[in-house]
C-alpha atoms as a PDB file:
ATOM      1  CA  MET A   1      96.657 -20.276 167.128  1.00  0.00           C
ATOM      2  CA  TYR A   2      96.993 -19.671 170.872  1.00  0.00           C
ATOM      3  CA  GLU A   3      94.936 -21.788 173.229  1.00  0.00           C
ATOM      4  CA  LYS A   4      96.428 -20.338 176.392  1.00  0.00           C
ATOM      5  CA  ILE A   5      98.497 -17.389 177.515  1.00  0.00           C
ATOM      6  CA  LEU A   6     100.911 -18.094 180.371  1.00  0.00           C
ATOM      7  CA  VAL A   7     101.433 -14.894 182.357  1.00  0.00           C
ATOM      8  CA  ALA A   8     104.563 -14.850 184.520  1.00  0.00           C
ATOM      9  CA  LEU A   9     104.279 -12.627 187.604  1.00  0.00           C
ATOM     10  CA  ASP A  10     106.752 -12.126 190.422  1.00  0.00           C
ATOM     11  CA  GLY A  11     104.596  -9.986 192.730  1.00  0.00           C
ATOM     12  CA  SER A  12     105.961  -6.630 191.555  1.00  0.00           C
ATOM     13  CA  ARG A  13     104.197  -3.818 189.773  1.00  0.00           C
ATOM     14  CA  PHE A  14     106.850  -4.074 187.067  1.00  0.00           C
ATOM     15  CA  SER A  15     105.847  -7.634 186.219  1.00  0.00           C
ATOM     16  CA  GLU A  16     102.166  -6.669 186.347  1.00  0.00           C
ATOM     17  CA  ALA A  17     102.668  -4.346 183.354  1.00  0.00           C
ATOM     18  CA  ILE A  18     101.971  -7.431 181.230  1.00  0.00           C
ATOM     19  CA  LEU A  19      98.392  -7.658 182.554  1.00  0.00           C
ATOM     20  CA  PRO A  20      96.724  -5.206 180.114  1.00  0.00           C
ATOM     21  CA  TYR A  21      98.020  -7.369 177.270  1.00  0.00           C
ATOM     22  CA  ALA A  22      96.882 -10.577 178.950  1.00  0.00           C
ATOM     23  CA  ARG A  23      93.401  -9.080 179.329  1.00  0.00           C
ATOM     24  CA  LEU A  24      93.423  -8.216 175.631  1.00  0.00           C
ATOM     25  CA  PHE A  25      94.023 -11.873 174.750  1.00  0.00           C
ATOM     26  CA  ALA A  26      91.409 -13.050 177.235  1.00  0.00           C
ATOM     27  CA  ASP A  27      88.693 -10.534 176.305  1.00  0.00           C
ATOM     28  CA  LYS A  28      89.132 -10.094 172.573  1.00  0.00           C
ATOM     29  CA  LEU A  29      90.678 -13.382 171.507  1.00  0.00           C
ATOM     30  CA  LYS A  30      88.942 -15.632 174.066  1.00  0.00           C
ATOM     31  CA  VAL A  31      92.245 -17.229 175.045  1.00  0.00           C
ATOM     32  CA  ALA A  32      92.463 -19.045 178.367  1.00  0.00           C
ATOM     33  CA  VAL A  33      94.787 -17.434 180.909  1.00  0.00           C
ATOM     34  CA  GLU A  34      97.118 -19.057 183.418  1.00  0.00           C
ATOM     35  CA  LEU A  35      98.763 -16.798 185.972  1.00  0.00           C
ATOM     36  CA  LEU A  36     102.062 -18.245 187.139  1.00  0.00           C
ATOM     37  CA  HIS A  37     104.034 -17.242 190.216  1.00  0.00           C
ATOM     38  CA  VAL A  38     107.312 -19.025 190.850  1.00  0.00           C
ATOM     39  CA  ILE A  39     108.709 -19.351 194.351  1.00  0.00           C
ATOM     40  CA  ASP A  40     112.430 -19.119 193.888  1.00  0.00           C
ATOM     41  CA  ALA A  41     113.599 -22.165 195.828  1.00  0.00           C
ATOM     42  CA  ASP A  42     117.252 -21.211 195.525  1.00  0.00           C
ATOM     43  CA  LEU A  43     117.724 -21.552 199.244  1.00  0.00           C
ATOM     44  CA  ALA A  44     120.274 -23.445 201.291  1.00  0.00           C
ATOM     45  CA  THR A  45     119.402 -27.126 201.486  1.00  0.00           C
ATOM     46  CA  PRO A  46     118.358 -27.992 205.029  1.00  0.00           C
ATOM     47  CA  THR A  47     120.944 -30.142 206.791  1.00  0.00           C
ATOM     48  CA  SER A  48     118.855 -31.132 209.798  1.00  0.00           C
ATOM     49  CA  ALA A  49     115.379 -32.322 210.588  1.00  0.00           C
ATOM     50  CA  ALA A  50     114.604 -28.982 212.230  1.00  0.00           C
ATOM     51  CA  GLY A  51     115.918 -27.150 209.218  1.00  0.00           C
ATOM     52  CA  GLN A  52     113.828 -29.289 206.889  1.00  0.00           C
ATOM     53  CA  ALA A  53     110.700 -28.597 208.911  1.00  0.00           C
ATOM     54  CA  ARG A  54     111.370 -24.870 208.865  1.00  0.00           C
ATOM     55  CA  TYR A  55     112.010 -24.986 205.121  1.00  0.00           C
ATOM     56  CA  GLN A  56     108.672 -26.721 204.534  1.00  0.00           C
ATOM     57  CA  GLU A  57     106.886 -24.126 206.655  1.00  0.00           C
ATOM     58  CA  VAL A  58     108.436 -21.259 204.696  1.00  0.00           C
ATOM     59  CA  MET A  59     107.570 -22.840 201.349  1.00  0.00           C
ATOM     60  CA  ALA A  60     103.983 -23.549 202.442  1.00  0.00           C
ATOM     61  CA  ALA A  61     103.579 -19.945 203.581  1.00  0.00           C
ATOM     62  CA  GLU A  62     105.032 -18.637 200.321  1.00  0.00           C
ATOM     63  CA  ASN A  63     102.703 -20.895 198.349  1.00  0.00           C
ATOM     64  CA  GLU A  64      99.640 -19.599 200.190  1.00  0.00           C
ATOM     65  CA  LYS A  65     100.837 -16.016 199.793  1.00  0.00           C
ATOM     66  CA  GLY A  66     101.347 -16.567 196.074  1.00  0.00           C
ATOM     67  CA  LEU A  67      97.859 -18.009 195.571  1.00  0.00           C
ATOM     68  CA  VAL A  68      96.234 -15.090 197.390  1.00  0.00           C
ATOM     69  CA  TYR A  69      98.196 -12.692 195.190  1.00  0.00           C
ATOM     70  CA  LEU A  70      97.278 -14.447 191.946  1.00  0.00           C
ATOM     71  CA  LYS A  71      93.591 -14.794 192.835  1.00  0.00           C
ATOM     72  CA  LYS A  72      93.430 -11.054 193.410  1.00  0.00           C
ATOM     73  CA  ILE A  73      94.961 -10.521 189.969  1.00  0.00           C
ATOM     74  CA  ALA A  74      92.525 -13.055 188.447  1.00  0.00           C
ATOM     75  CA  ASP A  75      89.592 -10.999 189.721  1.00  0.00           C
ATOM     76  CA  SER A  76      90.717  -8.141 187.455  1.00  0.00           C
ATOM     77  CA  PHE A  77      89.867 -10.232 184.386  1.00  0.00           C
ATOM     78  CA  SER A  78      86.338  -9.992 183.040  1.00  0.00           C
ATOM     79  CA  SER A  79      86.622 -13.628 181.983  1.00  0.00           C
ATOM     80  CA  GLY A  80      87.651 -14.719 185.476  1.00  0.00           C
ATOM     81  CA  ARG A  81      86.266 -18.199 185.085  1.00  0.00           C
ATOM     82  CA  ARG A  82      88.898 -18.838 182.416  1.00  0.00           C
ATOM     83  CA  VAL A  83      91.795 -17.662 184.583  1.00  0.00           C
ATOM     84  CA  HIS A  84      93.807 -20.384 186.319  1.00  0.00           C
ATOM     85  CA  CYS A  85      96.324 -19.668 189.077  1.00  0.00           C
ATOM     86  CA  SER A  86      99.520 -21.677 189.563  1.00  0.00           C
ATOM     87  CA  VAL A  87     102.237 -21.353 192.180  1.00  0.00           C
ATOM     88  CA  GLN A  88     105.311 -23.520 191.769  1.00  0.00           C
ATOM     89  CA  PRO A  89     108.728 -23.663 193.433  1.00  0.00           C
ATOM     90  CA  GLY A  90     111.927 -23.799 191.435  1.00  0.00           C
ATOM     91  CA  ASN A  91     114.155 -21.783 189.166  1.00  0.00           C
ATOM     92  CA  PRO A  92     111.848 -19.087 187.649  1.00  0.00           C
ATOM     93  CA  ALA A  93     113.092 -19.330 184.054  1.00  0.00           C
ATOM     94  CA  GLU A  94     113.093 -23.127 184.047  1.00  0.00           C
ATOM     95  CA  VAL A  95     109.601 -23.344 185.522  1.00  0.00           C
ATOM     96  CA  ILE A  96     108.211 -20.861 182.981  1.00  0.00           C
ATOM     97  CA  ILE A  97     109.814 -22.691 180.064  1.00  0.00           C
ATOM     98  CA  ASP A  98     108.740 -26.141 181.250  1.00  0.00           C
ATOM     99  CA  LYS A  99     105.206 -25.018 182.057  1.00  0.00           C
ATOM    100  CA  ALA A 100     104.728 -23.507 178.612  1.00  0.00           C
ATOM    101  CA  ALA A 101     106.252 -26.549 176.904  1.00  0.00           C
ATOM    102  CA  GLU A 102     103.361 -28.693 178.173  1.00  0.00           C
ATOM    103  CA  HIS A 103     101.185 -27.191 175.426  1.00  0.00           C
ATOM    104  CA  ARG A 104     102.555 -26.123 172.074  1.00  0.00           C
ATOM    105  CA  GLN A 105      99.826 -23.496 171.593  1.00  0.00           C
ATOM    106  CA  THR A 106     100.765 -21.645 174.785  1.00  0.00           C
ATOM    107  CA  LEU A 107     101.979 -18.059 174.489  1.00  0.00           C
ATOM    108  CA  ILE A 108     104.352 -16.931 177.247  1.00  0.00           C
ATOM    109  CA  ALA A 109     103.751 -13.338 178.333  1.00  0.00           C
ATOM    110  CA  MET A 110     106.044 -11.431 180.679  1.00  0.00           C
ATOM    111  CA  THR A 111     107.841  -8.156 181.185  1.00  0.00           C
ATOM    112  CA  THR A 112     111.526  -7.488 180.787  1.00  0.00           C
ATOM    113  CA  HIS A 113     111.668  -5.787 184.144  1.00  0.00           C
ATOM    114  CA  GLY A 114     110.486  -6.837 187.591  1.00  0.00           C
ATOM    115  CA  ARG A 115     111.594  -7.961 190.997  1.00  0.00           C
ATOM    116  CA  SER A 116     111.677 -11.299 192.712  1.00  0.00           C
ATOM    117  CA  GLY A 117     113.251 -10.955 196.129  1.00  0.00           C
ATOM    118  CA  ILE A 118     116.656  -9.365 195.601  1.00  0.00           C
ATOM    119  CA  ASP A 119     116.754 -10.485 191.961  1.00  0.00           C
ATOM    120  CA  ARG A 120     115.422  -8.591 188.976  1.00  0.00           C
ATOM    121  CA  TRP A 121     113.564 -10.017 185.998  1.00  0.00           C
ATOM    122  CA  LEU A 122     115.638  -8.195 183.433  1.00  0.00           C
ATOM    123  CA  ILE A 123     117.073  -8.951 180.053  1.00  0.00           C
ATOM    124  CA  GLY A 124     120.163 -10.815 181.177  1.00  0.00           C
ATOM    125  CA  SER A 125     118.204 -12.635 183.863  1.00  0.00           C
ATOM    126  CA  VAL A 126     114.854 -14.475 183.885  1.00  0.00           C
ATOM    127  CA  ALA A 127     113.382 -12.838 180.788  1.00  0.00           C
ATOM    128  CA  ASP A 128     116.642 -13.309 178.936  1.00  0.00           C
ATOM    129  CA  LYS A 129     116.780 -17.015 179.824  1.00  0.00           C
ATOM    130  CA  VAL A 130     113.178 -17.512 178.723  1.00  0.00           C
ATOM    131  CA  LEU A 131     113.885 -15.613 175.511  1.00  0.00           C
ATOM    132  CA  HIS A 132     116.772 -17.932 174.705  1.00  0.00           C
ATOM    133  CA  GLY A 133     115.384 -21.185 176.049  1.00  0.00           C
ATOM    134  CA  ALA A 134     111.660 -21.313 175.276  1.00  0.00           C
ATOM    135  CA  ALA A 135     110.340 -23.027 172.163  1.00  0.00           C
ATOM    136  CA  ASN A 136     106.927 -21.388 172.640  1.00  0.00           C
ATOM    137  CA  PRO A 137     106.099 -17.964 171.215  1.00  0.00           C
ATOM    138  CA  LEU A 138     106.860 -15.179 173.650  1.00  0.00           C
ATOM    139  CA  LEU A 139     105.334 -11.747 174.229  1.00  0.00           C
ATOM    140  CA  LEU A 140     107.769  -9.401 175.967  1.00  0.00           C
ATOM    141  CA  VAL A 141     106.778  -5.977 177.270  1.00  0.00           C
ATOM    142  CA  ARG A 142     109.271  -3.499 178.676  1.00  0.00           C
ATOM    143  CA  ALA A 143     107.960  -2.148 181.961  1.00  0.00           C
ATOM    144  CA  GLY A 144     108.932   1.325 183.159  1.00  0.00           C
ATOM    145  CA  GLU A 145     108.442   3.115 186.437  1.00  0.00           C
ATOM    146  CA  THR A 146     105.056   4.464 185.277  1.00  0.00           C
ATOM    147  CA  ALA A 147     103.843   1.373 183.428  1.00  0.00           C
ATOM    148  CA  GLY A 148     100.085   0.891 183.635  1.00  0.00           C
ATOM    149  CA  VAL A 149      98.668  -2.330 185.035  1.00  0.00           C
ATOM    150  CA  GLU A 150      94.951  -1.627 184.792  1.00  0.00           C
ATOM    151  CA  GLY A 151      92.527  -2.016 181.916  1.00  0.00           C
ATOM    152  CA  THR A 152      93.086  -3.599 178.527  1.00  0.00           C
ATOM    153  CA  ALA A 153      95.876  -2.781 176.091  1.00  0.00           C
ATOM    154  CA  LEU A 154      95.122  -1.445 172.629  1.00  0.00           C
ATOM    155  CA  TRP A 155      97.130  -2.088 169.494  1.00  0.00           C
ATOM    156  CA  GLN A 156      96.630  -0.349 166.171  1.00  0.00           C
ATOM    157  CA  ARG A 157      99.416  -1.841 164.086  1.00  0.00           C
ATOM    158  CA  ILE A 158     101.603  -4.932 163.911  1.00  0.00           C
ATOM    159  CA  ILE A 159     105.026  -4.328 162.429  1.00  0.00           C
ATOM    160  CA  VAL A 160     106.376  -7.502 160.822  1.00  0.00           C
ATOM    161  CA  PRO A 161     110.083  -7.256 159.882  1.00  0.00           C
ATOM    162  CA  LEU A 162     111.078  -9.652 157.109  1.00  0.00           C
ATOM    163  CA  ASP A 163     114.455 -10.365 155.549  1.00  0.00           C
ATOM    164  CA  GLY A 164     113.327 -12.400 152.560  1.00  0.00           C
ATOM    165  CA  SER A 165     113.767 -15.827 154.128  1.00  0.00           C
ATOM    166  CA  ALA A 166     111.139 -18.488 154.722  1.00  0.00           C
ATOM    167  CA  LEU A 167     112.338 -18.705 158.321  1.00  0.00           C
ATOM    168  CA  ALA A 168     111.605 -15.037 158.996  1.00  0.00           C
ATOM    169  CA  GLU A 169     108.191 -15.446 157.361  1.00  0.00           C
ATOM    170  CA  THR A 170     107.094 -17.982 159.983  1.00  0.00           C
ATOM    171  CA  VAL A 171     105.894 -15.051 162.080  1.00  0.00           C
ATOM    172  CA  ILE A 172     103.339 -13.964 159.455  1.00  0.00           C
ATOM    173  CA  PRO A 173     100.583 -16.459 160.475  1.00  0.00           C
ATOM    174  CA  HIS A 174     100.929 -15.284 164.072  1.00  0.00           C
ATOM    175  CA  ALA A 175     100.520 -11.664 162.976  1.00  0.00           C
ATOM    176  CA  THR A 176      97.481 -12.418 160.829  1.00  0.00           C
ATOM    177  CA  GLU A 177      95.808 -14.381 163.625  1.00  0.00           C
ATOM    178  CA  LEU A 178      96.040 -11.267 165.789  1.00  0.00           C
ATOM    179  CA  ALA A 179      95.172  -8.767 163.067  1.00  0.00           C
ATOM    180  CA  ARG A 180      91.893 -10.381 162.016  1.00  0.00           C
ATOM    181  CA  PRO A 181      89.913 -10.300 165.289  1.00  0.00           C
ATOM    182  CA  LEU A 182      91.504  -7.080 166.525  1.00  0.00           C
ATOM    183  CA  GLY A 183      91.173  -5.167 163.253  1.00  0.00           C
ATOM    184  CA  LEU A 184      94.859  -4.265 163.212  1.00  0.00           C
ATOM    185  CA  GLU A 185      96.941  -2.986 160.353  1.00  0.00           C
ATOM    186  CA  ILE A 186      99.835  -5.223 159.360  1.00  0.00           C
ATOM    187  CA  ALA A 187     102.928  -3.297 158.300  1.00  0.00           C
ATOM    188  CA  LEU A 188     105.351  -5.551 156.460  1.00  0.00           C
ATOM    189  CA  MET A 189     108.864  -4.168 156.808  1.00  0.00           C
ATOM    190  CA  ARG A 190     112.142  -4.839 155.085  1.00  0.00           C
ATOM    191  CA  VAL A 191     115.429  -3.136 155.906  1.00  0.00           C
ATOM    192  CA  PHE A 192     118.117  -3.362 153.260  1.00  0.00           C
ATOM    193  CA  GLY A 193     121.706  -2.208 153.001  1.00  0.00           C
ATOM    194  CA  VAL A 194     124.678  -2.642 150.743  1.00  0.00           C
ATOM    195  CA  PRO A 195     127.038  -5.224 152.291  1.00  0.00           C
ATOM    196  CA  THR A 196     130.382  -3.738 153.268  1.00  0.00           C
ATOM    197  CA  PRO A 197     133.039  -4.912 150.777  1.00  0.00           C
ATOM    198  CA  VAL A 198     136.472  -6.059 151.772  1.00  0.00           C
ATOM    199  CA  PHE A 199     137.955  -3.435 149.489  1.00  0.00           C
ATOM    200  CA  ALA A 200     136.253  -0.132 148.674  1.00  0.00           C
ATOM    201  CA  GLU A 201     137.142  -0.433 145.002  1.00  0.00           C
ATOM    202  CA  ASP A 202     135.147  -3.680 144.802  1.00  0.00           C
ATOM    203  CA  TYR A 203     131.996  -1.615 144.238  1.00  0.00           C
ATOM    204  CA  GLY A 204     133.453   1.459 142.605  1.00  0.00           C
ATOM    205  CA  PHE A 205     130.872   3.343 140.550  1.00  0.00           C
ATOM    206  CA  TYR A 206     128.315   0.555 140.922  1.00  0.00           C
ATOM    207  CA  VAL A 207     127.259   1.421 144.495  1.00  0.00           C
ATOM    208  CA  GLU A 208     124.265   3.501 143.411  1.00  0.00           C
ATOM    209  CA  GLU A 209     123.168   0.867 140.918  1.00  0.00           C
ATOM    210  CA  LEU A 210     123.469  -1.855 143.547  1.00  0.00           C
ATOM    211  CA  TRP A 211     121.581   0.261 146.073  1.00  0.00           C
ATOM    212  CA  ASN A 212     118.702   0.856 143.663  1.00  0.00           C
ATOM    213  CA  GLN A 213     118.573  -2.846 142.834  1.00  0.00           C
ATOM    214  CA  LEU A 214     118.359  -3.803 146.507  1.00  0.00           C
ATOM    215  CA  GLN A 215     115.577  -1.303 147.078  1.00  0.00           C
ATOM    216  CA  ASP A 216     113.645  -2.539 144.050  1.00  0.00           C
ATOM    217  CA  ASP A 217     114.015  -6.141 145.202  1.00  0.00           C
ATOM    218  CA  ALA A 218     112.781  -5.233 148.699  1.00  0.00           C
ATOM    219  CA  GLU A 219     109.771  -3.369 147.336  1.00  0.00           C
ATOM    220  CA  LYS A 220     108.825  -6.201 144.969  1.00  0.00           C
ATOM    221  CA  TYR A 221     109.199  -8.768 147.737  1.00  0.00           C
ATOM    222  CA  LEU A 222     106.940  -6.888 150.140  1.00  0.00           C
ATOM    223  CA  ALA A 223     104.424  -6.112 147.399  1.00  0.00           C
ATOM    224  CA  GLU A 224     104.121  -9.836 146.747  1.00  0.00           C
ATOM    225  CA  LYS A 225     103.636 -10.601 150.450  1.00  0.00           C
ATOM    226  CA  LYS A 226     101.075  -7.812 150.732  1.00  0.00           C
ATOM    227  CA  GLN A 227      99.124  -9.232 147.811  1.00  0.00           C
ATOM    228  CA  GLN A 228      99.133 -12.661 149.434  1.00  0.00           C
ATOM    229  CA  LEU A 229      97.725 -11.286 152.683  1.00  0.00           C
ATOM    230  CA  MET A 230      95.048  -9.258 150.954  1.00  0.00           C
ATOM    231  CA  ALA A 231      94.050 -12.371 149.005  1.00  0.00           C
ATOM    232  CA  GLN A 232      93.405 -13.947 152.418  1.00  0.00           C
ATOM    233  CA  GLY A 233      90.889 -11.216 153.212  1.00  0.00           C
ATOM    234  CA  LEU A 234      93.087  -8.788 155.138  1.00  0.00           C
ATOM    235  CA  THR A 235      92.329  -5.220 154.084  1.00  0.00           C
ATOM    236  CA  LYS A 236      94.738  -3.158 156.165  1.00  0.00           C
ATOM    237  CA  VAL A 237      98.196  -4.092 154.941  1.00  0.00           C
ATOM    238  CA  ALA A 238     101.049  -1.604 154.509  1.00  0.00           C
ATOM    239  CA  THR A 239     104.690  -1.940 153.502  1.00  0.00           C
ATOM    240  CA  ILE A 240     107.798  -0.208 154.831  1.00  0.00           C
ATOM    241  CA  VAL A 241     111.037  -0.300 152.867  1.00  0.00           C
ATOM    242  CA  THR A 242     114.045   1.455 154.316  1.00  0.00           C
ATOM    243  CA  SER A 243     117.802   1.163 154.534  1.00  0.00           C
ATOM    244  CA  GLY A 244     120.149   1.086 157.475  1.00  0.00           C
ATOM    245  CA  PHE A 245     120.734  -1.025 160.539  1.00  0.00           C
ATOM    246  CA  PRO A 246     117.762  -3.411 160.932  1.00  0.00           C
ATOM    247  CA  ALA A 247     117.270  -3.183 164.706  1.00  0.00           C
ATOM    248  CA  GLU A 248     117.437   0.614 164.747  1.00  0.00           C
ATOM    249  CA  LYS A 249     115.004   0.960 161.860  1.00  0.00           C
ATOM    250  CA  ILE A 250     112.541  -1.508 163.397  1.00  0.00           C
ATOM    251  CA  ILE A 251     112.602   0.363 166.713  1.00  0.00           C
ATOM    252  CA  ASP A 252     112.163   3.700 164.922  1.00  0.00           C
ATOM    253  CA  ALA A 253     109.202   2.379 162.919  1.00  0.00           C
ATOM    254  CA  ALA A 254     107.479   1.204 166.099  1.00  0.00           C
ATOM    255  CA  ARG A 255     108.071   4.541 167.832  1.00  0.00           C
ATOM    256  CA  GLU A 256     106.603   6.529 164.962  1.00  0.00           C
ATOM    257  CA  ARG A 257     103.147   5.266 165.815  1.00  0.00           C
ATOM    258  CA  GLU A 258     101.644   4.623 169.211  1.00  0.00           C
ATOM    259  CA  ASP A 259     100.112   1.314 170.151  1.00  0.00           C
ATOM    260  CA  ALA A 260     102.376  -0.781 167.921  1.00  0.00           C
ATOM    261  CA  LEU A 261     103.389  -4.402 168.324  1.00  0.00           C
ATOM    262  CA  VAL A 262     106.549  -5.742 166.723  1.00  0.00           C
ATOM    263  CA  ALA A 263     106.240  -9.367 165.622  1.00  0.00           C
ATOM    264  CA  MET A 264     109.359 -11.152 164.460  1.00  0.00           C
ATOM    265  CA  SER A 265     111.114 -14.469 164.248  1.00  0.00           C
ATOM    266  CA  THR A 266     114.231 -15.346 166.192  1.00  0.00           C
ATOM    267  CA  HIS A 267     115.835 -16.830 163.126  1.00  0.00           C
ATOM    268  CA  GLY A 268     116.249 -15.683 159.536  1.00  0.00           C
ATOM    269  CA  ARG A 269     118.772 -14.453 157.022  1.00  0.00           C
ATOM    270  CA  SER A 270     119.639 -11.061 155.630  1.00  0.00           C
ATOM    271  CA  GLY A 271     122.450 -11.315 153.130  1.00  0.00           C
ATOM    272  CA  VAL A 272     125.418 -12.815 154.936  1.00  0.00           C
ATOM    273  CA  ASN A 273     123.986 -11.930 158.349  1.00  0.00           C
ATOM    274  CA  ARG A 274     121.585 -13.966 160.474  1.00  0.00           C
ATOM    275  CA  TRP A 275     118.665 -12.658 162.486  1.00  0.00           C
ATOM    276  CA  VAL A 276     119.297 -14.757 165.549  1.00  0.00           C
ATOM    277  CA  LEU A 277     119.053 -14.255 169.272  1.00  0.00           C
ATOM    278  CA  GLY A 278     121.974 -12.043 170.126  1.00  0.00           C
ATOM    279  CA  SER A 279     121.453 -10.069 166.929  1.00  0.00           C
ATOM    280  CA  VAL A 280     118.492  -8.141 165.475  1.00  0.00           C
ATOM    281  CA  THR A 281     115.707  -9.678 167.556  1.00  0.00           C
ATOM    282  CA  GLU A 282     117.541  -9.317 170.831  1.00  0.00           C
ATOM    283  CA  ARG A 283     118.528  -5.726 170.052  1.00  0.00           C
ATOM    284  CA  VAL A 284     114.903  -4.840 169.388  1.00  0.00           C
ATOM    285  CA  VAL A 285     113.900  -6.421 172.706  1.00  0.00           C
ATOM    286  CA  ARG A 286     116.716  -4.721 174.606  1.00  0.00           C
ATOM    287  CA  HIS A 287     116.432  -1.234 173.193  1.00  0.00           C
ATOM    288  CA  GLY A 288     112.871  -0.883 171.902  1.00  0.00           C
ATOM    289  CA  GLY A 289     110.078   0.371 174.118  1.00  0.00           C
ATOM    290  CA  ASP A 290     107.235  -1.390 172.320  1.00  0.00           C
ATOM    291  CA  PRO A 291     105.893  -4.908 172.968  1.00  0.00           C
ATOM    292  CA  VAL A 292     107.587  -7.623 170.937  1.00  0.00           C
ATOM    293  CA  LEU A 293     106.029 -10.922 169.881  1.00  0.00           C
ATOM    294  CA  ILE A 294     108.817 -13.419 169.290  1.00  0.00           C
ATOM    295  CA  VAL A 295     108.310 -16.647 167.377  1.00  0.00           C
ATOM    296  CA  ARG A 296     111.090 -19.204 167.296  1.00  0.00           C
ATOM    297  CA  ALA A 297     111.385 -20.492 163.742  1.00  0.00           C
ATOM    298  CA  ALA A 298     112.288 -24.119 163.161  1.00  0.00           C
ATOM    299  CA  HIS A 299     115.394 -24.895 161.132  1.00  0.00           C
ATOM    300  CA  GLU A 300     114.853 -25.752 157.514  1.00  0.00           C
END
């Protein structure tokens, strides 16, 4: 499914927290790797010949510095011959998005925290813009002060939140493509809740009955999806049915077990609500500590 993983690095240890995951794709999945460093060219436009010459010198020096940095990172991959290094000037988010768009099967991989000069790659900045603007699948990892950058990451489980829509289910093939070669468990998850009525008396004594019906529907839906996956040869498939606020429950499920990956679509439906950027998916990215694989679903 993925032919290349595009790894965005800004020279900081924070951004390098994505490297263990990039090595996982390179070593276990045999995916080609491209390390990308963007020189933020948001500088004053030279107004004189001397200024133009100085600008070119600075950019050339930054380009050389970036290549040296990336080549050192490339040496940390056991499949170094498959690691390509790219340094490009421009707006970081735009360059990342455009670079990935050259190949549909490219997975963008980056952290939600890092530094680039005086700017930070945070949700709300570069990572946020890529999250909203990229059509390619995106792997986001939250980097902390003690985030590891060495070795290869290990996952044990992929949590796949579903809301019953075909759009949300577009993430399932991505999850299965990872689960097969890595021997991961797929945990299909559905969070349900009784919609809040305009008037309390609208539900009356039927709240419990409605609640039980929603739970039964969720369990039957996931049981069907589990059966479909097992028919495809997957043996480690679990289901999680719970009630509450979707983002909170997804984050809690990921925290309950170490080495979990959350895989979800950026578009779907849950009752009258929509799982769109700015809603469930973005909340999981913002507040969850586990890696999140985000697949942008096409409109029906």
